[in-house]
Amino acid sequence: MQTPLTPLAGQSLLERRKRAERALTSVVATCYLLGVSTRRMDKLVATLGITGLSKSQVSVMAKELDEQVEQFRTRRLEEAGPFTFVAADALVLKVREGGRVVPVHVLVATGVNADGHREILGVQVTTSEDGAGWLAFFRDLTARGLAGVKLVTSDAHAGLVNAIAATIPGAAWQRCRTHYAANLMSATPKSSWPWVKALLHSIYDQPDTDAVHAQFDRVVDALAEKLPAVAEHLEDARADILAFTPFPKEVWRQIWSNNPNERLNREIRRRTDVVGIFPDRASIIRLVGAVLAEQHDEWAEGRRYLGLDVLARAQAVDTQHAEEVSTDLELQALTA
């Protein structure tokens, strides 16, 4: 039997569910009061009743939300760890700075904690998605207690990959299979892509680790005869796109791409698209942080993302040895 919510707990739950909507209201209100609201936003302003809000009311609302988001995004992580699997991604948003509208990058990381639940690990806004931004982001995560990471999944942005290696040296890196497919498509003649795509998918459809690597070799051999440049592109990416293989097969689908984060990205976009152009970076952190905090709570209350047994087996994987094996396989393929 479930324990009924006390009135206080029920009220807290209700307030938490409203957090993202309150953040959206405060950001839109800030735009409106600064006179930068767009025609698209005018109807929303009236719908939210923002015309009846004063600058002081908006300021109080924003301050309260900013404090909540700051506590969430700076919290300690060690008690929930180890975080066996981590995923990192970035979204581009627009903000007004110095009288101009400029793009900024919102860096987001998620992870699977020791209890098998997903968590939002961190969010930061940077001017560009360069190595310095990602390095500062991951240094903040490790300083707050991120540890026990066995695999990080992301796209192949050089600054991101280097930051992972510099801050989490014991972790393997998995190149997102979806992003890689797009990269491979750009290197493939358009007429040949359906065939190449089918071959690429056949690698991931194998029943076990040995079969995956064997099929990879067969695919490279098949491509080498007709599309040598494509075969070379795939061979160069061998270690990066097959980093998932030492881990239990039950988790492959969750770790070989950033696709599990797509719902999260859609939820962020649903709120940020309403604003369009943010009045400042603080407004971005307020809204995106509130959306992420809301999602974080839902994950904590939901079913485990990964079972404790499979998580324990994943933690036992020697990623450094696995990396050496991948390198040996790569050298064998090159000298064969």
Protein backbone atom coordinates (compact mmCIF):
# COMPACT_ATOMS: atom_id res chain seq x y z
CA MET A 1 0.00 0.00 0.00
CA GLN A 2 1.32 3.42 -0.94
CA THR A 3 1.68 5.97 1.83
CA PRO A 4 -0.63 8.92 1.12
CA LEU A 5 0.96 12.32 0.66
CA THR A 6 0.71 14.67 3.59
CA PRO A 7 -0.72 18.12 2.78
CA LEU A 8 2.77 19.61 3.02
CA ALA A 9 4.30 16.96 0.76
CA GLY A 10 1.46 17.32 -1.74
CA GLN A 11 1.96 21.07 -1.86
CA SER A 12 5.71 20.62 -2.37
CA LEU A 13 5.08 18.17 -5.23
CA LEU A 14 2.66 20.60 -6.86
CA GLU A 15 5.12 23.49 -6.57
CA ARG A 16 7.88 21.40 -8.08
CA ARG A 17 5.72 20.52 -11.06
CA LYS A 18 5.10 24.22 -11.63
CA ARG A 19 8.76 25.19 -11.42
CA ALA A 20 9.46 25.11 -15.15
CA GLU A 21 6.26 26.99 -15.97
CA ARG A 22 7.11 29.66 -13.41
CA ALA A 23 10.57 29.97 -14.91
CA LEU A 24 9.06 30.39 -18.38
CA THR A 25 6.71 33.07 -17.08
CA SER A 26 9.56 34.97 -15.42
CA VAL A 27 11.74 34.88 -18.54
CA VAL A 28 8.93 35.98 -20.84
CA ALA A 29 8.00 38.70 -18.34
CA THR A 30 11.60 39.92 -18.30
CA CYS A 31 11.56 40.17 -22.09
CA TYR A 32 8.26 42.04 -21.96
CA LEU A 33 9.38 44.53 -19.31
CA LEU A 34 12.62 45.18 -21.18
CA GLY A 35 10.64 45.93 -24.31
CA VAL A 36 12.23 43.14 -26.34
CA SER A 37 9.19 40.87 -26.69
CA THR A 38 8.58 39.64 -30.22
CA ARG A 39 5.28 39.65 -32.09
CA ARG A 40 5.11 35.90 -31.59
CA MET A 41 5.38 36.42 -27.82
CA ASP A 42 2.66 39.06 -27.51
CA LYS A 43 -0.20 36.55 -27.35
CA LEU A 44 1.67 34.51 -24.78
CA VAL A 45 2.22 37.61 -22.64
CA ALA A 46 -1.54 38.13 -22.43
CA THR A 47 -2.22 34.43 -21.86
CA LEU A 48 0.19 34.31 -18.92
CA GLY A 49 -1.21 37.52 -17.46
CA ILE A 50 2.21 39.13 -17.55
CA THR A 51 0.85 42.60 -18.27
CA GLY A 52 -0.40 42.64 -14.70
CA LEU A 53 3.03 41.92 -13.22
CA SER A 54 5.28 44.68 -11.93
CA LYS A 55 9.06 44.76 -12.24
CA SER A 56 9.37 44.10 -8.51
CA GLN A 57 7.10 41.02 -8.74
CA VAL A 58 9.11 39.65 -11.65
CA SER A 59 12.34 40.34 -9.75
CA VAL A 60 11.14 38.43 -6.67
CA MET A 61 9.96 35.51 -8.82
CA ALA A 62 13.27 35.39 -10.71
CA LYS A 63 15.36 35.55 -7.54
CA GLU A 64 13.50 32.65 -5.95
CA LEU A 65 13.81 30.51 -9.06
CA ASP A 66 17.48 31.41 -9.56
CA GLU A 67 18.24 30.28 -6.00
CA GLN A 68 16.50 26.94 -6.57
CA VAL A 69 18.27 26.34 -9.88
CA GLU A 70 21.64 27.35 -8.44
CA GLN A 71 21.26 24.86 -5.59
CA PHE A 72 20.33 22.16 -8.08
CA ARG A 73 23.16 22.75 -10.54
CA THR A 74 25.87 23.11 -7.87
CA ARG A 75 24.83 20.20 -5.63
CA ARG A 76 27.38 17.59 -4.56
CA LEU A 77 27.35 14.38 -6.62
CA GLU A 78 29.45 11.90 -4.65
CA GLU A 79 26.63 10.56 -2.47
CA ALA A 80 24.65 9.41 -5.51
CA GLY A 81 27.66 7.88 -7.27
CA PRO A 82 29.38 6.11 -8.78
CA PHE A 83 28.00 7.30 -12.12
CA THR A 84 28.83 4.39 -14.40
CA PHE A 85 27.49 5.93 -17.60
CA VAL A 86 27.52 9.61 -18.56
CA ALA A 87 26.20 11.39 -21.67
CA ALA A 88 27.03 14.93 -22.76
CA ASP A 89 25.41 17.17 -25.35
CA ALA A 90 25.02 20.84 -26.27
CA LEU A 91 22.16 23.01 -27.52
CA VAL A 92 22.48 26.37 -29.28
CA LEU A 93 20.25 29.23 -28.10
CA LYS A 94 20.14 32.95 -28.93
CA VAL A 95 20.68 35.77 -26.44
CA ARG A 96 20.90 39.58 -26.59
CA GLU A 97 24.33 40.86 -25.63
CA GLY A 98 25.88 44.25 -26.32
CA GLY A 99 22.99 45.30 -28.52
CA ARG A 100 23.35 42.21 -30.74
CA VAL A 101 21.72 38.81 -30.93
CA VAL A 102 24.41 36.14 -30.55
CA PRO A 103 24.39 32.34 -30.28
CA VAL A 104 25.49 30.64 -27.06
CA HIS A 105 25.90 26.98 -26.19
CA VAL A 106 24.11 25.24 -23.34
CA LEU A 107 26.18 22.28 -22.14
CA VAL A 108 24.24 19.47 -20.44
CA ALA A 109 25.40 16.19 -18.88
CA THR A 110 23.30 13.29 -17.63
CA GLY A 111 24.38 10.13 -15.81
CA VAL A 112 23.20 6.87 -14.30
CA ASN A 113 23.69 6.84 -10.52
CA ALA A 114 24.45 3.95 -8.16
CA ASP A 115 20.73 3.27 -7.70
CA GLY A 116 20.18 2.81 -11.43
CA HIS A 117 18.30 6.09 -11.92
CA ARG A 118 19.23 8.78 -14.40
CA GLU A 119 20.26 12.19 -13.11
CA ILE A 120 20.92 15.62 -14.55
CA LEU A 121 24.55 16.18 -13.57
CA GLY A 122 25.11 19.73 -14.71
CA VAL A 123 24.25 22.61 -17.03
CA GLN A 124 26.36 25.60 -18.08
CA VAL A 125 26.21 28.32 -20.73
CA THR A 126 29.33 29.06 -22.79
CA THR A 127 30.07 31.49 -25.59
CA SER A 128 31.21 28.72 -27.90
CA GLU A 129 31.39 24.93 -27.87
CA ASP A 130 35.17 24.92 -27.68
CA GLY A 131 37.66 22.94 -25.64
CA ALA A 132 37.86 25.57 -22.90
CA GLY A 133 34.10 25.53 -22.33
CA TRP A 134 33.85 21.74 -22.15
CA LEU A 135 36.97 21.51 -20.00
CA ALA A 136 35.56 23.96 -17.45
CA PHE A 137 32.25 22.07 -17.52
CA PHE A 138 33.78 18.65 -16.78
CA ARG A 139 36.16 20.09 -14.21
CA ASP A 140 33.12 21.44 -12.37
CA LEU A 141 31.45 18.01 -12.49
CA THR A 142 34.50 16.21 -11.08
CA ALA A 143 35.01 18.94 -8.46
CA ARG A 144 31.43 18.35 -7.29
CA GLY A 145 32.09 14.63 -6.88
CA LEU A 146 31.51 12.94 -10.26
CA ALA A 147 33.41 9.64 -10.04
CA GLY A 148 33.31 5.99 -11.05
CA VAL A 149 32.58 6.83 -14.70
CA LYS A 150 33.18 3.90 -17.04
CA LEU A 151 31.85 5.34 -20.31
CA VAL A 152 30.97 8.78 -21.65
CA THR A 153 28.77 9.01 -24.75
CA SER A 154 28.83 12.11 -26.94
CA ASP A 155 29.39 13.39 -30.46
CA ALA A 156 32.93 13.72 -31.81
CA HIS A 157 33.46 17.42 -31.06
CA ALA A 158 37.23 17.65 -30.53
CA GLY A 159 37.00 20.00 -27.54
CA LEU A 160 34.49 17.71 -25.83
CA VAL A 161 36.48 14.52 -26.44
CA ASN A 162 39.70 16.13 -25.17
CA ALA A 163 37.92 17.46 -22.08
CA ILE A 164 36.63 13.96 -21.26
CA ALA A 165 40.13 12.51 -21.58
CA ALA A 166 41.64 15.27 -19.43
CA THR A 167 39.13 15.15 -16.59
CA ILE A 168 37.95 11.49 -16.53
CA PRO A 169 41.07 9.59 -17.68
CA GLY A 170 39.81 6.18 -16.57
CA ALA A 171 36.65 6.33 -18.69
CA ALA A 172 36.13 5.03 -22.21
CA TRP A 173 34.54 7.27 -24.83
CA GLN A 174 31.64 6.14 -27.02
CA ARG A 175 31.05 8.12 -30.19
CA CYS A 176 27.30 8.52 -30.63
CA ARG A 177 26.27 6.09 -33.38
CA THR A 178 23.58 8.47 -34.65
CA HIS A 179 26.02 11.36 -35.02
CA TYR A 180 28.58 9.07 -36.62
CA ALA A 181 26.05 7.82 -39.18
CA ALA A 182 25.51 11.44 -40.24
CA ASN A 183 29.28 11.92 -40.53
CA LEU A 184 29.65 8.75 -42.60
CA MET A 185 26.75 9.76 -44.85
CA SER A 186 28.54 13.02 -45.71
CA ALA A 187 31.54 10.97 -46.89
CA THR A 188 29.42 8.56 -48.96
CA PRO A 189 28.08 9.06 -52.51
CA LYS A 190 24.37 9.75 -52.26
CA SER A 191 23.42 6.82 -54.46
CA SER A 192 25.39 4.41 -52.28
CA TRP A 193 24.14 5.58 -48.89
CA PRO A 194 21.17 3.14 -48.54
CA TRP A 195 23.57 0.21 -48.98
CA VAL A 196 26.22 1.66 -46.68
CA LYS A 197 23.58 2.52 -44.07
CA ALA A 198 22.29 -1.07 -44.09
CA LEU A 199 25.83 -2.38 -43.64
CA LEU A 200 26.47 0.02 -40.76
CA HIS A 201 23.27 -1.04 -38.99
CA SER A 202 24.20 -4.71 -39.41
CA ILE A 203 27.20 -4.12 -37.15
CA TYR A 204 24.98 -3.06 -34.24
CA ASP A 205 22.47 -5.87 -34.83
CA GLN A 206 24.88 -8.63 -33.74
CA PRO A 207 24.17 -10.81 -30.67
CA ASP A 208 27.47 -10.42 -28.81
CA THR A 209 30.80 -8.62 -28.69
CA ASP A 210 32.76 -11.04 -30.88
CA ALA A 211 30.03 -11.02 -33.52
CA VAL A 212 30.01 -7.20 -33.56
CA HIS A 213 33.74 -7.02 -34.22
CA ALA A 214 33.60 -9.82 -36.81
CA GLN A 215 30.77 -8.09 -38.67
CA PHE A 216 32.67 -4.79 -38.53
CA ASP A 217 35.60 -6.47 -40.31
CA ARG A 218 33.27 -7.95 -42.95
CA VAL A 219 31.67 -4.56 -43.57
CA VAL A 220 35.03 -2.83 -43.95
CA ASP A 221 36.15 -5.52 -46.42
CA ALA A 222 32.94 -5.16 -48.43
CA LEU A 223 33.27 -1.37 -48.59
CA ALA A 224 36.98 -1.48 -49.46
CA GLU A 225 36.23 -3.02 -52.85
CA LYS A 226 33.74 -0.39 -54.03
CA LEU A 227 34.12 2.61 -51.72
CA PRO A 228 37.66 2.64 -50.30
CA ALA A 229 37.32 6.16 -48.84
CA VAL A 230 34.18 5.13 -46.95
CA ALA A 231 35.91 1.97 -45.73
CA GLU A 232 38.80 4.06 -44.42
CA HIS A 233 36.38 6.47 -42.71
CA LEU A 234 34.71 3.56 -40.92
CA GLU A 235 37.99 1.86 -40.00
CA ASP A 236 39.30 5.07 -38.46
CA ALA A 237 36.22 5.21 -36.23
CA ARG A 238 36.38 1.56 -35.12
CA ALA A 239 37.51 2.11 -31.52
CA ASP A 240 35.21 5.12 -31.03
CA ILE A 241 31.94 3.60 -32.22
CA LEU A 242 32.54 0.15 -30.71
CA ALA A 243 33.47 1.33 -27.20
CA PHE A 244 30.13 -0.02 -25.95
CA THR A 245 31.00 -3.65 -26.69
CA PRO A 246 32.84 -4.59 -23.43
CA PHE A 247 29.71 -3.75 -21.43
CA PRO A 248 26.72 -6.08 -20.86
CA LYS A 249 24.53 -6.40 -23.94
CA GLU A 250 21.49 -5.41 -21.89
CA VAL A 251 22.73 -1.80 -21.77
CA TRP A 252 24.02 -1.40 -25.32
CA ARG A 253 20.94 0.42 -26.54
CA GLN A 254 21.19 2.93 -23.69
CA ILE A 255 24.89 3.71 -24.15
CA TRP A 256 25.79 3.54 -27.83
CA SER A 257 24.15 6.86 -28.70
CA ASN A 258 22.75 10.05 -27.24
CA ASN A 259 19.25 9.08 -28.40
CA PRO A 260 17.98 8.54 -24.81
CA ASN A 261 18.50 12.27 -24.30
CA GLU A 262 16.31 13.24 -27.26
CA ARG A 263 13.16 13.48 -25.12
CA LEU A 264 15.05 15.73 -22.73
CA ASN A 265 16.20 17.96 -25.59
CA ARG A 266 12.67 18.15 -26.97
CA GLU A 267 11.36 19.26 -23.58
CA ILE A 268 14.02 21.97 -23.36
CA ARG A 269 13.25 23.14 -26.90
CA ARG A 270 9.52 23.21 -26.21
CA ARG A 271 10.10 25.88 -23.55
CA THR A 272 13.02 27.78 -25.12
CA ASP A 273 11.34 28.05 -28.54
CA VAL A 274 8.58 30.08 -26.88
CA VAL A 275 11.12 32.68 -25.78
CA GLY A 276 13.10 32.68 -28.99
CA ILE A 277 15.72 35.27 -28.03
CA PHE A 278 16.70 35.41 -24.37
CA PRO A 279 17.29 38.79 -22.68
CA ASP A 280 20.45 37.55 -20.90
CA ARG A 281 22.35 34.39 -19.95
CA ALA A 282 20.84 34.31 -16.47
CA SER A 283 17.42 33.83 -18.08
CA ILE A 284 18.73 30.84 -20.04
CA ILE A 285 20.06 29.19 -16.89
CA ARG A 286 16.79 29.94 -15.07
CA LEU A 287 14.54 28.37 -17.68
CA VAL A 288 16.73 25.48 -18.85
CA GLY A 289 17.79 24.77 -15.26
CA ALA A 290 14.17 24.65 -14.10
CA VAL A 291 13.20 22.29 -16.92
CA LEU A 292 16.15 20.03 -16.09
CA ALA A 293 15.39 20.09 -12.36
CA GLU A 294 11.82 19.04 -13.13
CA GLN A 295 13.02 16.18 -15.33
CA HIS A 296 15.55 15.17 -12.68
CA ASP A 297 12.74 14.79 -10.13
CA GLU A 298 10.65 12.71 -12.52
CA TRP A 299 13.55 10.34 -13.14
CA ALA A 300 14.15 10.00 -9.39
CA GLU A 301 10.50 9.02 -8.83
CA GLY A 302 10.27 6.71 -11.84
CA ARG A 303 11.47 3.17 -12.47
CA ARG A 304 15.18 2.39 -12.48
CA TYR A 305 16.78 3.14 -15.83
CA LEU A 306 19.23 0.24 -15.37
CA GLY A 307 18.98 -2.73 -13.03
CA LEU A 308 21.41 -3.02 -10.12
CA ASP A 309 22.77 -6.36 -11.34
CA VAL A 310 23.68 -5.15 -14.82
CA LEU A 311 25.03 -1.92 -13.34
CA ALA A 312 27.34 -3.91 -11.05
CA ARG A 313 28.61 -5.93 -14.02
CA ALA A 314 29.19 -2.73 -15.97
CA GLN A 315 31.15 -1.23 -13.07
CA ALA A 316 33.38 -4.32 -13.10
CA VAL A 317 34.45 -3.74 -16.71
CA ASP A 318 38.12 -2.82 -17.02
CA THR A 319 37.83 0.06 -19.49
CA GLN A 320 41.57 0.63 -19.69
CA HIS A 321 42.15 -3.02 -20.69
CA ALA A 322 39.22 -2.79 -23.11
CA GLU A 323 40.85 0.23 -24.72
CA GLU A 324 44.10 -1.72 -25.14
CA VAL A 325 42.19 -4.60 -26.77
CA SER A 326 40.48 -2.19 -29.17
CA THR A 327 43.86 -0.71 -30.10
CA ASP A 328 45.29 -4.22 -30.71
CA LEU A 329 42.34 -5.09 -32.95
CA GLU A 330 42.84 -1.87 -34.87
CA LEU A 331 46.56 -2.61 -35.37
CA GLN A 332 45.76 -6.15 -36.54
CA ALA A 333 43.30 -4.81 -39.10
CA LEU A 334 45.85 -2.28 -40.37
CA THR A 335 48.63 -4.88 -40.74
CA ALA A 336 46.47 -7.66 -42.16
